[in-house]
Protein backbone atom coordinates (compact mmCIF):
# COMPACT_ATOMS: atom_id res chain seq x y z
CA UNK A 1 -16.27 -16.82 5.04
CA UNK A 2 -17.25 -19.32 2.44
CA UNK A 3 -14.41 -21.87 1.18
CA UNK A 4 -14.57 -20.73 -2.37
CA UNK A 5 -13.75 -16.80 -0.94
CA UNK A 6 -11.24 -18.74 1.32
CA UNK A 7 -9.15 -20.27 -1.81
CA UNK A 8 -9.53 -17.06 -3.21
CA UNK A 9 -8.01 -14.98 -1.13
CA UNK A 10 -5.08 -18.04 -0.70
CA UNK A 11 -4.41 -17.45 -4.49
CA UNK A 12 -4.56 -13.52 -4.32
CA UNK A 13 -1.87 -13.72 -1.59
CA UNK A 14 0.28 -16.31 -3.84
CA UNK A 15 -0.31 -14.05 -6.01
CA UNK A 16 1.30 -11.12 -4.32
CA UNK A 17 4.19 -12.82 -3.18
CA UNK A 18 5.51 -14.23 -6.79
CA UNK A 19 5.00 -10.33 -8.10
CA UNK A 20 6.87 -9.14 -5.76
CA UNK A 21 9.21 -11.50 -4.36
CA UNK A 22 8.07 -11.39 -1.20
CA UNK A 23 9.18 -14.25 1.51
CA UNK A 24 7.07 -14.93 4.26
CA UNK A 25 3.61 -14.79 5.12
CA UNK A 26 2.12 -11.45 4.75
CA UNK A 27 1.26 -9.33 7.83
CA UNK A 28 -0.31 -6.13 8.29
CA UNK A 29 1.54 -3.27 9.95
CA UNK A 30 -0.99 -1.48 10.36
CA UNK A 31 -3.51 0.45 8.83
CA UNK A 32 -3.19 3.96 7.42
CA UNK A 33 -6.13 6.07 5.69
CA UNK A 34 -5.51 7.83 2.27
CA UNK A 35 -5.42 11.37 2.88
CA UNK A 36 -9.16 12.97 2.14
CA UNK A 37 -7.20 16.26 1.31
CA UNK A 38 -5.04 14.35 -1.49
CA UNK A 39 -6.39 13.99 -5.57
CA UNK A 40 -7.91 10.24 -6.79
CA UNK A 41 -5.49 9.16 -8.64
CA UNK A 42 -6.58 6.01 -11.20
CA UNK A 43 -3.62 3.37 -10.78
CA UNK A 44 -2.14 1.37 -12.88
CA UNK A 45 1.37 -0.30 -13.43
CA UNK A 46 2.72 -0.80 -10.03
CA UNK A 47 0.45 2.02 -8.43
CA UNK A 48 -2.92 1.46 -6.54
CA UNK A 49 -5.58 3.22 -7.00
CA UNK A 50 -6.67 6.00 -4.28
CA UNK A 51 -9.95 7.40 -3.49
CA UNK A 52 -9.94 9.59 -0.66
CA UNK A 53 -10.38 8.50 2.43
CA UNK A 54 -9.94 4.96 1.49
CA UNK A 55 -8.48 2.69 4.18
CA UNK A 56 -5.33 0.75 3.08
CA UNK A 57 -3.12 -2.21 5.24
CA UNK A 58 0.25 -0.92 5.11
CA UNK A 59 1.98 -3.91 4.19
CA UNK A 60 6.02 -3.21 3.87
CA UNK A 61 7.20 0.28 4.21
CA UNK A 62 9.61 -0.70 0.49
CA UNK A 63 11.43 3.32 0.87
CA UNK A 64 10.50 7.25 1.56
CA UNK A 65 8.88 7.22 -1.87
CA UNK A 66 6.16 4.50 -2.18
CA UNK A 67 5.05 1.50 -0.04
CA UNK A 68 3.33 -1.08 -0.05
CA UNK A 69 -0.31 -1.63 0.66
CA UNK A 70 -3.57 -3.71 0.19
CA UNK A 71 -6.63 -1.65 -0.07
CA UNK A 72 -10.02 -3.50 0.60
CA UNK A 73 -10.53 -5.67 -2.83
CA UNK A 74 -7.26 -7.01 -1.45
CA UNK A 75 -5.60 -5.69 -4.44
CA UNK A 76 -1.75 -5.24 -3.64
CA UNK A 77 0.50 -2.78 -5.35
CA UNK A 78 3.02 0.04 -4.16
CA UNK A 79 1.32 3.70 -3.17
CA UNK A 80 3.15 6.69 -3.05
CA UNK A 81 4.03 8.26 0.56
CA UNK A 82 2.52 11.80 -0.71
CA UNK A 83 -0.87 10.32 -0.11
CA UNK A 84 -0.55 8.95 3.01
CA UNK A 85 -0.43 11.48 6.28
CA UNK A 86 2.45 9.94 8.55
């Protein structure tokens, strides 16, 4: 990983912590795959765009309906629990 990529990731993590009022370091609890049978969603606002079969890093289980996740482009947003099989 180059210095430029490392700084870009650090900046994205700081923005995430500020946006979601997240304290402490960002740790990945687990990885989950989006349900292959689920409909693809464009996302926007507070929701992450979903693609069938995509692997997401789970950062926090916020409530029964929403899960805070990060995708491969390091975008952190909420995902509906119905899209991720438990």
